[in-house]
N, C-alpha and C. Protein backbone atom coordinates (compact mmCIF):
# COMPACT_ATOMS: atom_id res chain seq x y z
N MET A 1 15.38 13.72 -2.95
CA MET A 1 14.30 12.76 -3.12
C MET A 1 12.96 13.50 -3.08
N ASN A 2 12.13 13.28 -4.04
CA ASN A 2 10.81 13.92 -4.11
C ASN A 2 9.74 12.98 -3.59
N ILE A 3 8.82 13.54 -2.78
CA ILE A 3 7.67 12.76 -2.29
C ILE A 3 6.41 13.58 -2.48
N ARG A 4 5.27 12.90 -2.47
CA ARG A 4 3.99 13.59 -2.61
C ARG A 4 3.79 14.53 -1.43
N ILE A 5 3.18 15.66 -1.70
CA ILE A 5 2.99 16.69 -0.68
C ILE A 5 2.18 16.18 0.51
N ALA A 6 1.14 15.40 0.28
CA ALA A 6 0.33 14.89 1.39
C ALA A 6 1.15 13.98 2.30
N LYS A 7 2.04 13.19 1.71
CA LYS A 7 2.92 12.33 2.50
C LYS A 7 3.92 13.16 3.29
N PHE A 8 4.44 14.23 2.67
CA PHE A 8 5.36 15.12 3.37
C PHE A 8 4.69 15.75 4.59
N ILE A 9 3.47 16.25 4.40
CA ILE A 9 2.73 16.88 5.50
C ILE A 9 2.51 15.87 6.62
N SER A 10 2.11 14.66 6.24
CA SER A 10 1.91 13.61 7.23
C SER A 10 3.21 13.29 7.97
N SER A 11 4.32 13.22 7.25
CA SER A 11 5.59 12.88 7.88
C SER A 11 6.12 14.01 8.75
N SER A 12 5.54 15.20 8.63
CA SER A 12 5.93 16.31 9.49
C SER A 12 5.24 16.20 10.85
N GLY A 13 4.21 15.34 10.93
CA GLY A 13 3.45 15.20 12.17
C GLY A 13 2.31 16.19 12.28
N TYR A 14 2.09 17.00 11.24
CA TYR A 14 1.03 18.02 11.29
C TYR A 14 -0.36 17.38 11.34
N CYS A 15 -0.56 16.35 10.53
CA CYS A 15 -1.85 15.66 10.47
C CYS A 15 -1.67 14.38 9.67
N SER A 16 -2.76 13.63 9.52
CA SER A 16 -2.70 12.40 8.73
C SER A 16 -2.64 12.73 7.24
N ARG A 17 -2.32 11.74 6.43
CA ARG A 17 -2.24 11.94 4.98
C ARG A 17 -3.61 12.35 4.43
N ARG A 18 -4.65 11.71 4.89
CA ARG A 18 -6.00 12.05 4.41
C ARG A 18 -6.39 13.48 4.79
N GLU A 19 -6.06 13.86 6.03
CA GLU A 19 -6.34 15.24 6.45
C GLU A 19 -5.51 16.23 5.62
N ALA A 20 -4.29 15.85 5.27
CA ALA A 20 -3.43 16.70 4.44
C ALA A 20 -4.06 16.89 3.06
N GLU A 21 -4.60 15.83 2.51
CA GLU A 21 -5.26 15.93 1.20
C GLU A 21 -6.44 16.89 1.26
N LYS A 22 -7.19 16.87 2.35
CA LYS A 22 -8.32 17.79 2.52
C LYS A 22 -7.83 19.23 2.60
N LEU A 23 -6.74 19.46 3.34
CA LEU A 23 -6.17 20.81 3.44
C LEU A 23 -5.74 21.33 2.09
N ILE A 24 -5.16 20.46 1.28
CA ILE A 24 -4.72 20.84 -0.07
C ILE A 24 -5.93 21.25 -0.91
N LEU A 25 -6.98 20.46 -0.85
CA LEU A 25 -8.19 20.75 -1.63
C LEU A 25 -8.91 22.00 -1.11
N GLN A 26 -8.65 22.37 0.14
CA GLN A 26 -9.23 23.60 0.73
C GLN A 26 -8.33 24.82 0.50
N ASN A 27 -7.27 24.64 -0.31
CA ASN A 27 -6.34 25.73 -0.65
C ASN A 27 -5.63 26.31 0.58
N LYS A 28 -5.19 25.44 1.49
CA LYS A 28 -4.51 25.89 2.70
C LYS A 28 -3.03 25.52 2.70
N VAL A 29 -2.53 24.95 1.58
CA VAL A 29 -1.15 24.48 1.51
C VAL A 29 -0.40 25.24 0.41
N TYR A 30 0.80 25.72 0.78
CA TYR A 30 1.65 26.43 -0.16
C TYR A 30 3.03 25.78 -0.22
N ILE A 31 3.58 25.71 -1.41
CA ILE A 31 4.93 25.18 -1.63
C ILE A 31 5.73 26.30 -2.27
N ASN A 32 6.79 26.72 -1.58
CA ASN A 32 7.65 27.81 -2.05
C ASN A 32 6.83 29.06 -2.42
N GLY A 33 5.81 29.35 -1.61
CA GLY A 33 5.00 30.54 -1.80
C GLY A 33 3.88 30.41 -2.82
N LYS A 34 3.78 29.26 -3.48
CA LYS A 34 2.73 29.05 -4.48
C LYS A 34 1.71 28.05 -3.95
N LEU A 35 0.45 28.31 -4.26
CA LEU A 35 -0.63 27.44 -3.82
C LEU A 35 -0.45 26.04 -4.38
N CYS A 36 -0.54 25.04 -3.51
CA CYS A 36 -0.49 23.64 -3.96
C CYS A 36 -1.86 23.30 -4.52
N GLU A 37 -1.90 22.83 -5.76
CA GLU A 37 -3.17 22.63 -6.43
C GLU A 37 -3.68 21.19 -6.40
N HIS A 38 -2.80 20.24 -6.07
CA HIS A 38 -3.25 18.84 -6.09
C HIS A 38 -2.44 17.99 -5.12
N PRO A 39 -3.08 17.02 -4.44
CA PRO A 39 -2.37 16.16 -3.48
C PRO A 39 -1.25 15.31 -4.09
N SER A 40 -1.23 15.16 -5.39
CA SER A 40 -0.18 14.35 -6.02
C SER A 40 1.08 15.15 -6.31
N GLN A 41 1.03 16.47 -6.08
CA GLN A 41 2.20 17.30 -6.35
C GLN A 41 3.37 16.83 -5.49
N LYS A 42 4.57 16.87 -6.08
CA LYS A 42 5.77 16.38 -5.39
C LYS A 42 6.57 17.54 -4.81
N VAL A 43 7.25 17.25 -3.69
CA VAL A 43 8.13 18.24 -3.07
C VAL A 43 9.48 17.61 -2.80
N ALA A 44 10.50 18.46 -2.80
CA ALA A 44 11.86 18.03 -2.46
C ALA A 44 12.18 18.53 -1.05
N THR A 45 13.23 18.01 -0.46
CA THR A 45 13.60 18.40 0.91
C THR A 45 13.93 19.88 1.02
N LYS A 46 14.38 20.49 -0.06
CA LYS A 46 14.73 21.92 -0.03
C LYS A 46 13.51 22.83 -0.15
N ASP A 47 12.36 22.30 -0.53
CA ASP A 47 11.15 23.10 -0.70
C ASP A 47 10.63 23.59 0.65
N ILE A 48 9.99 24.75 0.64
CA ILE A 48 9.37 25.30 1.85
C ILE A 48 7.87 25.05 1.75
N VAL A 49 7.37 24.26 2.69
CA VAL A 49 5.95 23.91 2.71
C VAL A 49 5.30 24.62 3.89
N LYS A 50 4.19 25.34 3.59
CA LYS A 50 3.44 26.03 4.63
C LYS A 50 2.00 25.54 4.62
N VAL A 51 1.47 25.30 5.83
CA VAL A 51 0.07 24.96 6.00
C VAL A 51 -0.51 25.99 6.96
N ARG A 52 -1.50 26.72 6.49
CA ARG A 52 -2.12 27.78 7.28
C ARG A 52 -1.06 28.74 7.84
N GLY A 53 -0.05 29.03 7.03
CA GLY A 53 0.99 29.97 7.40
C GLY A 53 2.12 29.39 8.23
N LYS A 54 2.03 28.13 8.63
CA LYS A 54 3.07 27.50 9.45
C LYS A 54 4.02 26.70 8.56
N ILE A 55 5.33 26.94 8.70
CA ILE A 55 6.32 26.19 7.93
C ILE A 55 6.47 24.80 8.55
N LEU A 56 6.38 23.78 7.70
CA LEU A 56 6.49 22.39 8.16
C LEU A 56 7.86 21.82 7.82
N LYS A 57 8.36 21.00 8.71
CA LYS A 57 9.61 20.28 8.48
C LYS A 57 9.36 18.81 8.80
N LYS A 58 10.01 17.96 8.04
CA LYS A 58 9.88 16.53 8.28
C LYS A 58 10.50 16.23 9.65
N ILE A 59 9.77 15.46 10.46
CA ILE A 59 10.28 15.16 11.79
C ILE A 59 11.52 14.29 11.69
N LYS A 60 12.45 14.52 12.59
CA LYS A 60 13.71 13.79 12.56
C LYS A 60 13.66 12.55 13.42
N LYS A 61 12.85 12.60 14.47
CA LYS A 61 12.79 11.48 15.40
C LYS A 61 11.34 11.03 15.55
N VAL A 62 11.06 9.81 15.16
CA VAL A 62 9.72 9.25 15.32
C VAL A 62 9.57 8.82 16.78
N GLU A 63 8.48 9.27 17.39
CA GLU A 63 8.22 8.91 18.78
C GLU A 63 6.88 8.22 18.88
N ILE A 64 6.71 7.44 19.94
CA ILE A 64 5.47 6.71 20.15
C ILE A 64 5.11 6.78 21.64
N TRP A 65 3.83 6.95 21.91
CA TRP A 65 3.30 7.01 23.27
C TRP A 65 2.20 5.97 23.40
N LYS A 66 1.94 5.55 24.63
CA LYS A 66 0.85 4.61 24.87
C LYS A 66 -0.06 5.20 25.95
N MET A 67 -1.34 4.82 25.86
CA MET A 67 -2.32 5.30 26.83
C MET A 67 -3.39 4.23 26.99
N TYR A 68 -3.90 4.10 28.19
CA TYR A 68 -5.04 3.22 28.42
C TYR A 68 -6.30 4.02 28.13
N LYS A 69 -7.06 3.59 27.12
CA LYS A 69 -8.29 4.27 26.74
C LYS A 69 -9.44 3.77 27.60
N PRO A 70 -10.09 4.68 28.35
CA PRO A 70 -11.26 4.26 29.11
C PRO A 70 -12.50 4.16 28.20
N ILE A 71 -13.56 3.56 28.71
CA ILE A 71 -14.81 3.50 27.95
C ILE A 71 -15.38 4.91 27.82
N LYS A 72 -16.27 5.07 26.86
CA LYS A 72 -16.99 6.31 26.59
C LYS A 72 -16.07 7.45 26.12
N TYR A 73 -15.03 7.08 25.40
CA TYR A 73 -14.18 8.04 24.69
C TYR A 73 -14.08 7.55 23.26
N ILE A 74 -14.16 8.49 22.33
CA ILE A 74 -14.08 8.13 20.92
C ILE A 74 -12.66 8.34 20.41
N CYS A 75 -12.23 7.47 19.51
CA CYS A 75 -10.86 7.54 18.95
C CYS A 75 -10.85 8.40 17.70
N SER A 76 -11.13 9.67 17.89
CA SER A 76 -11.15 10.63 16.78
C SER A 76 -10.82 11.99 17.35
N LYS A 77 -10.32 12.89 16.52
CA LYS A 77 -10.01 14.24 17.01
C LYS A 77 -11.27 15.08 17.16
N LYS A 78 -12.27 14.82 16.32
CA LYS A 78 -13.53 15.56 16.37
C LYS A 78 -14.68 14.58 16.32
N ASP A 79 -15.78 14.96 16.97
CA ASP A 79 -16.96 14.10 16.97
C ASP A 79 -18.21 14.97 16.78
N LYS A 80 -18.98 14.65 15.78
CA LYS A 80 -20.20 15.42 15.49
C LYS A 80 -21.21 15.35 16.64
N LEU A 81 -21.13 14.27 17.42
CA LEU A 81 -22.05 14.11 18.54
C LEU A 81 -21.52 14.73 19.83
N GLN A 82 -20.36 15.41 19.75
CA GLN A 82 -19.76 16.11 20.88
C GLN A 82 -19.38 15.19 22.04
N ARG A 83 -19.05 13.91 21.72
CA ARG A 83 -18.58 13.00 22.77
C ARG A 83 -17.13 13.32 23.10
N LYS A 84 -16.68 12.88 24.26
CA LYS A 84 -15.29 13.07 24.65
C LYS A 84 -14.40 12.23 23.73
N THR A 85 -13.21 12.76 23.43
CA THR A 85 -12.28 12.03 22.57
C THR A 85 -11.02 11.67 23.35
N ILE A 86 -10.27 10.70 22.84
CA ILE A 86 -9.02 10.32 23.49
C ILE A 86 -8.03 11.48 23.47
N PHE A 87 -8.17 12.39 22.53
CA PHE A 87 -7.28 13.53 22.44
C PHE A 87 -7.54 14.53 23.56
N ASP A 88 -8.75 14.50 24.15
CA ASP A 88 -9.05 15.33 25.31
C ASP A 88 -8.24 14.90 26.53
N LEU A 89 -7.79 13.65 26.54
CA LEU A 89 -7.04 13.11 27.67
C LEU A 89 -5.54 13.42 27.59
N LEU A 90 -5.08 13.87 26.44
CA LEU A 90 -3.65 14.12 26.26
C LEU A 90 -3.21 15.40 26.96
N PRO A 91 -1.99 15.42 27.48
CA PRO A 91 -1.45 16.67 28.02
C PRO A 91 -1.43 17.74 26.92
N LYS A 92 -1.68 18.99 27.30
CA LYS A 92 -1.78 20.09 26.34
C LYS A 92 -0.49 20.33 25.56
N ASN A 93 0.67 19.91 26.11
CA ASN A 93 1.93 20.13 25.41
C ASN A 93 2.18 19.10 24.31
N LEU A 94 1.37 18.07 24.23
CA LEU A 94 1.51 17.07 23.17
C LEU A 94 0.50 17.40 22.07
N ILE A 95 0.99 18.07 21.04
CA ILE A 95 0.11 18.47 19.95
C ILE A 95 0.47 17.71 18.69
N ASN A 96 -0.45 17.62 17.78
CA ASN A 96 -0.26 16.98 16.48
C ASN A 96 0.08 15.50 16.58
N LEU A 97 -0.40 14.82 17.61
CA LEU A 97 -0.21 13.38 17.68
C LEU A 97 -1.29 12.69 16.86
N ILE A 98 -0.96 11.51 16.40
CA ILE A 98 -1.87 10.70 15.58
C ILE A 98 -2.10 9.39 16.32
N SER A 99 -3.35 8.98 16.43
CA SER A 99 -3.62 7.70 17.08
C SER A 99 -3.33 6.58 16.09
N VAL A 100 -2.85 5.48 16.63
CA VAL A 100 -2.57 4.29 15.82
C VAL A 100 -3.76 3.36 16.00
N GLY A 101 -4.58 3.25 14.98
CA GLY A 101 -5.77 2.42 15.07
C GLY A 101 -6.85 3.07 15.90
N ARG A 102 -7.85 2.27 16.23
CA ARG A 102 -9.01 2.78 16.96
C ARG A 102 -9.56 1.68 17.87
N LEU A 103 -10.24 2.12 18.90
CA LEU A 103 -11.02 1.23 19.75
C LEU A 103 -12.45 1.77 19.75
N ASP A 104 -13.44 0.90 19.88
CA ASP A 104 -14.83 1.32 19.91
C ASP A 104 -15.10 2.23 21.10
N TYR A 105 -16.15 3.02 20.99
CA TYR A 105 -16.55 3.96 22.03
C TYR A 105 -16.70 3.28 23.39
N MET A 106 -17.31 2.11 23.41
CA MET A 106 -17.54 1.40 24.68
C MET A 106 -16.43 0.41 25.01
N SER A 107 -15.32 0.44 24.27
CA SER A 107 -14.18 -0.44 24.55
C SER A 107 -13.14 0.31 25.35
N GLU A 108 -12.36 -0.46 26.11
CA GLU A 108 -11.23 0.11 26.82
C GLU A 108 -10.00 -0.71 26.48
N GLY A 109 -8.84 -0.09 26.61
CA GLY A 109 -7.62 -0.83 26.33
C GLY A 109 -6.50 0.08 25.85
N LEU A 110 -5.40 -0.53 25.48
CA LEU A 110 -4.20 0.19 25.07
C LEU A 110 -4.41 0.84 23.70
N ILE A 111 -4.05 2.10 23.62
CA ILE A 111 -4.05 2.82 22.35
C ILE A 111 -2.69 3.50 22.21
N LEU A 112 -2.17 3.49 21.01
CA LEU A 112 -0.87 4.10 20.76
C LEU A 112 -1.03 5.42 20.02
N PHE A 113 -0.09 6.32 20.23
CA PHE A 113 -0.01 7.60 19.52
C PHE A 113 1.39 7.74 18.97
N THR A 114 1.52 8.46 17.87
CA THR A 114 2.83 8.76 17.31
C THR A 114 2.83 10.18 16.74
N ASN A 115 4.01 10.70 16.53
CA ASN A 115 4.14 12.01 15.90
C ASN A 115 4.35 11.87 14.39
N SER A 116 4.25 10.65 13.87
CA SER A 116 4.50 10.39 12.45
C SER A 116 3.32 9.68 11.80
N GLY A 117 2.69 10.35 10.84
CA GLY A 117 1.60 9.72 10.10
C GLY A 117 2.07 8.51 9.32
N GLU A 118 3.28 8.59 8.80
CA GLU A 118 3.86 7.49 8.03
C GLU A 118 4.05 6.25 8.92
N TYR A 119 4.56 6.46 10.15
CA TYR A 119 4.77 5.36 11.07
C TYR A 119 3.44 4.78 11.55
N SER A 120 2.46 5.66 11.77
CA SER A 120 1.13 5.20 12.17
C SER A 120 0.56 4.27 11.11
N ARG A 121 0.67 4.68 9.87
CA ARG A 121 0.16 3.86 8.75
C ARG A 121 0.88 2.52 8.70
N PHE A 122 2.19 2.52 8.88
CA PHE A 122 2.97 1.29 8.88
C PHE A 122 2.46 0.34 9.98
N LEU A 123 2.23 0.86 11.17
CA LEU A 123 1.77 0.03 12.28
C LEU A 123 0.37 -0.54 12.04
N GLU A 124 -0.46 0.20 11.32
CA GLU A 124 -1.84 -0.22 11.07
C GLU A 124 -1.99 -1.23 9.93
N LEU A 125 -1.07 -1.21 8.98
CA LEU A 125 -1.22 -2.07 7.80
C LEU A 125 -1.10 -3.55 8.14
N PRO A 126 -2.04 -4.37 7.70
CA PRO A 126 -1.94 -5.81 7.91
C PRO A 126 -0.67 -6.41 7.30
N SER A 127 -0.20 -5.82 6.20
CA SER A 127 1.01 -6.34 5.54
C SER A 127 2.26 -6.16 6.39
N SER A 128 2.20 -5.32 7.44
CA SER A 128 3.34 -5.15 8.35
C SER A 128 3.50 -6.33 9.30
N ASN A 129 2.47 -7.17 9.38
CA ASN A 129 2.49 -8.38 10.22
C ASN A 129 2.86 -8.10 11.67
N ILE A 130 2.29 -7.05 12.24
CA ILE A 130 2.53 -6.72 13.65
C ILE A 130 1.44 -7.38 14.48
N GLU A 131 1.85 -8.23 15.41
CA GLU A 131 0.91 -8.97 16.25
C GLU A 131 0.33 -8.05 17.31
N ARG A 132 -0.98 -8.14 17.51
CA ARG A 132 -1.67 -7.36 18.52
C ARG A 132 -2.19 -8.29 19.59
N LYS A 133 -1.95 -7.91 20.85
CA LYS A 133 -2.40 -8.72 21.98
C LYS A 133 -3.08 -7.82 22.99
N GLY A 134 -3.91 -8.42 23.86
CA GLY A 134 -4.51 -7.67 24.97
C GLY A 134 -3.43 -7.31 25.97
N SER A 135 -3.68 -6.22 26.74
CA SER A 135 -2.71 -5.80 27.74
C SER A 135 -3.43 -5.34 29.00
N SER A 136 -2.68 -5.15 30.07
CA SER A 136 -3.28 -4.72 31.33
C SER A 136 -3.40 -3.20 31.37
N SER A 137 -4.20 -2.71 32.28
CA SER A 137 -4.46 -1.29 32.44
C SER A 137 -3.24 -0.53 32.93
N SER A 138 -3.09 0.70 32.43
CA SER A 138 -2.05 1.59 32.95
C SER A 138 -2.68 2.81 33.61
N GLY A 139 -3.98 2.69 33.92
CA GLY A 139 -4.64 3.75 34.67
C GLY A 139 -4.89 5.03 33.89
N GLY A 140 -5.02 4.96 32.57
CA GLY A 140 -5.33 6.13 31.77
C GLY A 140 -4.17 7.09 31.59
N GLN A 141 -2.97 6.64 31.84
CA GLN A 141 -1.82 7.52 31.73
C GLN A 141 -1.10 7.32 30.41
N LEU A 142 -0.52 8.38 29.94
CA LEU A 142 0.25 8.35 28.70
C LEU A 142 1.71 8.25 29.06
N THR A 143 2.42 7.29 28.48
CA THR A 143 3.84 7.12 28.78
C THR A 143 4.65 7.08 27.50
C-alpha cells in the first residue's frame, strides 16, 4: 500500500504532517537514498525513509497520554516569545509526542498527547464526532 510521504512521516511519530511537509521542502527527507522532492510523493512499506539521517518506521502501537495543563503554558513545541510550553513538562524519555488540540495560554485543563500524528488528526476532526467535556485536575501529571 502506498501513502504520501508526509503522512508516512507523521504516522512514524516523528512529527506532524505539516511539519513533515516543511522538512520535505527543506530537503531533509530521503526515500531509498534519494532526496524527496515533493510532499505528495508516495512511499511503500518496503521503502527506507530517512529524516535528518534517522531511519523512520511506521509505529506499530498507537499510544495516548493525558496531562493537566496549568495556566501560563503554551500548547506548542516552540514559541517565538520564549514562553514555557507543555512539552517542557514532559518527561525527557517521552520524545516525538504530538499534542491533541490546544488550550489557550491562560487556560488550564486536560490535554492529550499521542505518538501518532494520524491518530491526533482523527481525534481533532469535527467529523470524528468525539464529545469533549470538562474534567478534574490530575495535578499536572502525565499518565
